[in-house]
């Protein structure tokens, strides 16, 4: 008799802070698994990213996760945008983890946050 087996759980790890263009591990808001980058805010008491308790991922965390994703995917070439725009089309909940997708087009990067297969936010960054 054959039995169905559950897929092994996805193991995510945090990239080194320097590869995300942050100085301290507490500032990292990304993790990576075999399928890509995840929004994984480490510290809900972070004074800048979480200015009050909430039941969803704050827009500041989404924006910073996208910025870190671009820094990571560009190998450190694009770390500090001079302009950015984020549009949240729905709340990004705390679970399940949302994914950050990004693509570079010359000095512009576009990004999208997807949770459970549904886009929750998207935007752009401009670099010098």
C-alpha atoms as a PDB file:
ATOM      1  CA  UNK A   1       0.000   0.000   0.000  1.00  0.00           C
ATOM      2  CA  UNK A   2       1.327   3.444  -0.954  1.00  0.00           C
ATOM      3  CA  UNK A   3       0.980   6.275   1.497  1.00  0.00           C
ATOM      4  CA  UNK A   4       1.039   9.906   0.662  1.00  0.00           C
ATOM      5  CA  UNK A   5       3.818  11.735   2.416  1.00  0.00           C
ATOM      6  CA  UNK A   6       3.800  15.385   3.260  1.00  0.00           C
ATOM      7  CA  UNK A   7       6.331  17.560   1.549  1.00  0.00           C
ATOM      8  CA  UNK A   8       9.189  18.472   3.859  1.00  0.00           C
ATOM      9  CA  UNK A   9       8.786  21.920   5.411  1.00  0.00           C
ATOM     10  CA  UNK A  10      10.531  24.762   3.663  1.00  0.00           C
ATOM     11  CA  UNK A  11      13.661  25.792   5.495  1.00  0.00           C
ATOM     12  CA  UNK A  12      14.376  29.487   5.317  1.00  0.00           C
ATOM     13  CA  UNK A  13      17.577  31.202   6.337  1.00  0.00           C
ATOM     14  CA  UNK A  14      18.476  34.846   6.783  1.00  0.00           C
ATOM     15  CA  UNK A  15      21.117  36.223   4.448  1.00  0.00           C
ATOM     16  CA  UNK A  16      24.053  38.012   6.037  1.00  0.00           C
ATOM     17  CA  UNK A  17      23.119  41.598   6.970  1.00  0.00           C
ATOM     18  CA  UNK A  18      25.797  43.092   4.704  1.00  0.00           C
ATOM     19  CA  UNK A  19      24.254  41.379   1.645  1.00  0.00           C
ATOM     20  CA  UNK A  20      20.975  43.153   2.464  1.00  0.00           C
ATOM     21  CA  UNK A  21      22.716  46.521   2.941  1.00  0.00           C
ATOM     22  CA  UNK A  22      21.924  46.707   6.666  1.00  0.00           C
ATOM     23  CA  UNK A  23      24.357  47.021   9.569  1.00  0.00           C
ATOM     24  CA  UNK A  24      22.671  44.879  12.193  1.00  0.00           C
ATOM     25  CA  UNK A  25      20.865  41.509  12.012  1.00  0.00           C
ATOM     26  CA  UNK A  26      17.921  43.130  13.828  1.00  0.00           C
ATOM     27  CA  UNK A  27      17.375  45.318  10.749  1.00  0.00           C
ATOM     28  CA  UNK A  28      17.096  42.395   8.315  1.00  0.00           C
ATOM     29  CA  UNK A  29      13.516  41.774   7.163  1.00  0.00           C
ATOM     30  CA  UNK A  30      14.172  39.047   4.586  1.00  0.00           C
ATOM     31  CA  UNK A  31      14.723  35.332   4.644  1.00  0.00           C
ATOM     32  CA  UNK A  32      15.436  33.032   1.725  1.00  0.00           C
ATOM     33  CA  UNK A  33      14.187  29.534   1.002  1.00  0.00           C
ATOM     34  CA  UNK A  34      14.432  27.341  -2.090  1.00  0.00           C
ATOM     35  CA  UNK A  35      11.576  29.247  -3.751  1.00  0.00           C
ATOM     36  CA  UNK A  36      12.909  32.770  -3.207  1.00  0.00           C
ATOM     37  CA  UNK A  37      12.794  35.687  -0.799  1.00  0.00           C
ATOM     38  CA  UNK A  38      10.332  35.972   2.088  1.00  0.00           C
ATOM     39  CA  UNK A  39       9.253  38.921   4.227  1.00  0.00           C
ATOM     40  CA  UNK A  40      10.494  37.862   7.645  1.00  0.00           C
ATOM     41  CA  UNK A  41      10.662  40.784  10.016  1.00  0.00           C
ATOM     42  CA  UNK A  42      12.771  39.662  12.949  1.00  0.00           C
ATOM     43  CA  UNK A  43      11.798  42.029  15.717  1.00  0.00           C
ATOM     44  CA  UNK A  44       8.234  43.349  16.170  1.00  0.00           C
ATOM     45  CA  UNK A  45       9.645  45.790  18.756  1.00  0.00           C
ATOM     46  CA  UNK A  46      11.958  47.419  16.199  1.00  0.00           C
ATOM     47  CA  UNK A  47      11.579  51.176  16.871  1.00  0.00           C
ATOM     48  CA  UNK A  48      11.545  52.235  13.202  1.00  0.00           C
ATOM     49  CA  UNK A  49       9.782  49.397  11.400  1.00  0.00           C
ATOM     50  CA  UNK A  50       7.045  48.791  13.980  1.00  0.00           C
ATOM     51  CA  UNK A  51       5.867  52.030  15.575  1.00  0.00           C
ATOM     52  CA  UNK A  52       2.824  50.316  17.137  1.00  0.00           C
ATOM     53  CA  UNK A  53       1.464  46.765  17.517  1.00  0.00           C
ATOM     54  CA  UNK A  54      -0.539  45.541  14.550  1.00  0.00           C
ATOM     55  CA  UNK A  55      -2.243  42.553  13.035  1.00  0.00           C
ATOM     56  CA  UNK A  56      -0.605  42.894   9.610  1.00  0.00           C
ATOM     57  CA  UNK A  57       2.810  43.653   8.129  1.00  0.00           C
ATOM     58  CA  UNK A  58       3.363  47.445   8.161  1.00  0.00           C
ATOM     59  CA  UNK A  59       3.980  49.223   4.877  1.00  0.00           C
ATOM     60  CA  UNK A  60       7.396  50.353   6.143  1.00  0.00           C
ATOM     61  CA  UNK A  61       8.424  46.703   6.509  1.00  0.00           C
ATOM     62  CA  UNK A  62       7.202  45.918   2.973  1.00  0.00           C
ATOM     63  CA  UNK A  63       9.124  48.862   1.556  1.00  0.00           C
ATOM     64  CA  UNK A  64      12.284  47.895   3.437  1.00  0.00           C
ATOM     65  CA  UNK A  65      11.892  44.236   2.433  1.00  0.00           C
ATOM     66  CA  UNK A  66      11.697  45.301  -1.214  1.00  0.00           C
ATOM     67  CA  UNK A  67      14.765  47.539  -0.825  1.00  0.00           C
ATOM     68  CA  UNK A  68      16.695  44.689   0.790  1.00  0.00           C
ATOM     69  CA  UNK A  69      15.566  42.290  -1.951  1.00  0.00           C
ATOM     70  CA  UNK A  70      16.937  44.615  -4.629  1.00  0.00           C
ATOM     71  CA  UNK A  71      20.235  45.021  -2.730  1.00  0.00           C
ATOM     72  CA  UNK A  72      20.526  41.242  -2.327  1.00  0.00           C
ATOM     73  CA  UNK A  73      19.571  40.327  -5.905  1.00  0.00           C
ATOM     74  CA  UNK A  74      21.856  43.007  -7.368  1.00  0.00           C
ATOM     75  CA  UNK A  75      24.842  41.677  -5.422  1.00  0.00           C
ATOM     76  CA  UNK A  76      25.180  44.991  -3.596  1.00  0.00           C
ATOM     77  CA  UNK A  77      25.200  47.145  -6.726  1.00  0.00           C
ATOM     78  CA  UNK A  78      21.872  48.792  -5.838  1.00  0.00           C
ATOM     79  CA  UNK A  79      21.618  49.542  -2.144  1.00  0.00           C
ATOM     80  CA  UNK A  80      20.345  53.089  -1.657  1.00  0.00           C
ATOM     81  CA  UNK A  81      17.531  54.286  -3.911  1.00  0.00           C
ATOM     82  CA  UNK A  82      16.989  58.015  -4.297  1.00  0.00           C
ATOM     83  CA  UNK A  83      13.247  57.586  -4.916  1.00  0.00           C
ATOM     84  CA  UNK A  84      10.681  54.918  -4.273  1.00  0.00           C
ATOM     85  CA  UNK A  85       6.992  54.229  -4.501  1.00  0.00           C
ATOM     86  CA  UNK A  86       4.842  51.543  -2.886  1.00  0.00           C
ATOM     87  CA  UNK A  87       1.196  50.818  -3.492  1.00  0.00           C
ATOM     88  CA  UNK A  88      -0.548  48.392  -1.147  1.00  0.00           C
ATOM     89  CA  UNK A  89      -3.596  46.869  -2.799  1.00  0.00           C
ATOM     90  CA  UNK A  90      -4.559  44.790   0.230  1.00  0.00           C
ATOM     91  CA  UNK A  91      -3.243  44.018   3.698  1.00  0.00           C
ATOM     92  CA  UNK A  92      -0.223  41.742   3.920  1.00  0.00           C
ATOM     93  CA  UNK A  93      -0.999  39.496   6.857  1.00  0.00           C
ATOM     94  CA  UNK A  94       1.584  38.227   9.348  1.00  0.00           C
ATOM     95  CA  UNK A  95       1.074  34.639   8.101  1.00  0.00           C
ATOM     96  CA  UNK A  96       1.649  32.937   5.792  1.00  0.00           C
ATOM     97  CA  UNK A  97       4.946  34.544   4.865  1.00  0.00           C
ATOM     98  CA  UNK A  98       4.782  36.864   1.869  1.00  0.00           C
ATOM     99  CA  UNK A  99       7.255  36.650  -1.017  1.00  0.00           C
ATOM    100  CA  UNK A 100       9.178  39.573  -2.494  1.00  0.00           C
ATOM    101  CA  UNK A 101       9.877  39.528  -6.217  1.00  0.00           C
ATOM    102  CA  UNK A 102      12.021  42.150  -7.922  1.00  0.00           C
ATOM    103  CA  UNK A 103      13.452  42.904 -11.342  1.00  0.00           C
ATOM    104  CA  UNK A 104      15.953  45.484 -12.537  1.00  0.00           C
ATOM    105  CA  UNK A 105      15.496  47.663 -15.613  1.00  0.00           C
ATOM    106  CA  UNK A 106      18.610  49.849 -15.927  1.00  0.00           C
ATOM    107  CA  UNK A 107      18.433  52.335 -13.014  1.00  0.00           C
ATOM    108  CA  UNK A 108      14.895  51.328 -12.004  1.00  0.00           C
ATOM    109  CA  UNK A 109      13.758  48.289 -10.069  1.00  0.00           C
ATOM    110  CA  UNK A 110      10.199  47.077  -9.856  1.00  0.00           C
ATOM    111  CA  UNK A 111       8.998  44.880  -7.036  1.00  0.00           C
ATOM    112  CA  UNK A 112       5.934  42.950  -6.003  1.00  0.00           C
ATOM    113  CA  UNK A 113       4.871  41.424  -2.697  1.00  0.00           C
ATOM    114  CA  UNK A 114       2.775  38.262  -3.034  1.00  0.00           C
ATOM    115  CA  UNK A 115       1.039  36.349  -0.270  1.00  0.00           C
ATOM    116  CA  UNK A 116      -0.710  33.050  -0.894  1.00  0.00           C
ATOM    117  CA  UNK A 117      -0.488  33.638  -4.643  1.00  0.00           C
ATOM    118  CA  UNK A 118      -2.198  37.055  -4.391  1.00  0.00           C
ATOM    119  CA  UNK A 119      -0.336  40.330  -4.916  1.00  0.00           C
ATOM    120  CA  UNK A 120      -0.607  42.590  -1.870  1.00  0.00           C
ATOM    121  CA  UNK A 121       1.762  45.421  -2.815  1.00  0.00           C
ATOM    122  CA  UNK A 122       3.957  46.605  -5.651  1.00  0.00           C
ATOM    123  CA  UNK A 123       6.214  49.512  -6.467  1.00  0.00           C
ATOM    124  CA  UNK A 124       9.412  50.912  -7.899  1.00  0.00           C
ATOM    125  CA  UNK A 125      12.774  52.214  -6.799  1.00  0.00           C
ATOM    126  CA  UNK A 126      15.015  54.590  -8.771  1.00  0.00           C
ATOM    127  CA  UNK A 127      18.776  54.515  -8.411  1.00  0.00           C
ATOM    128  CA  UNK A 128      21.460  56.974  -9.491  1.00  0.00           C
END
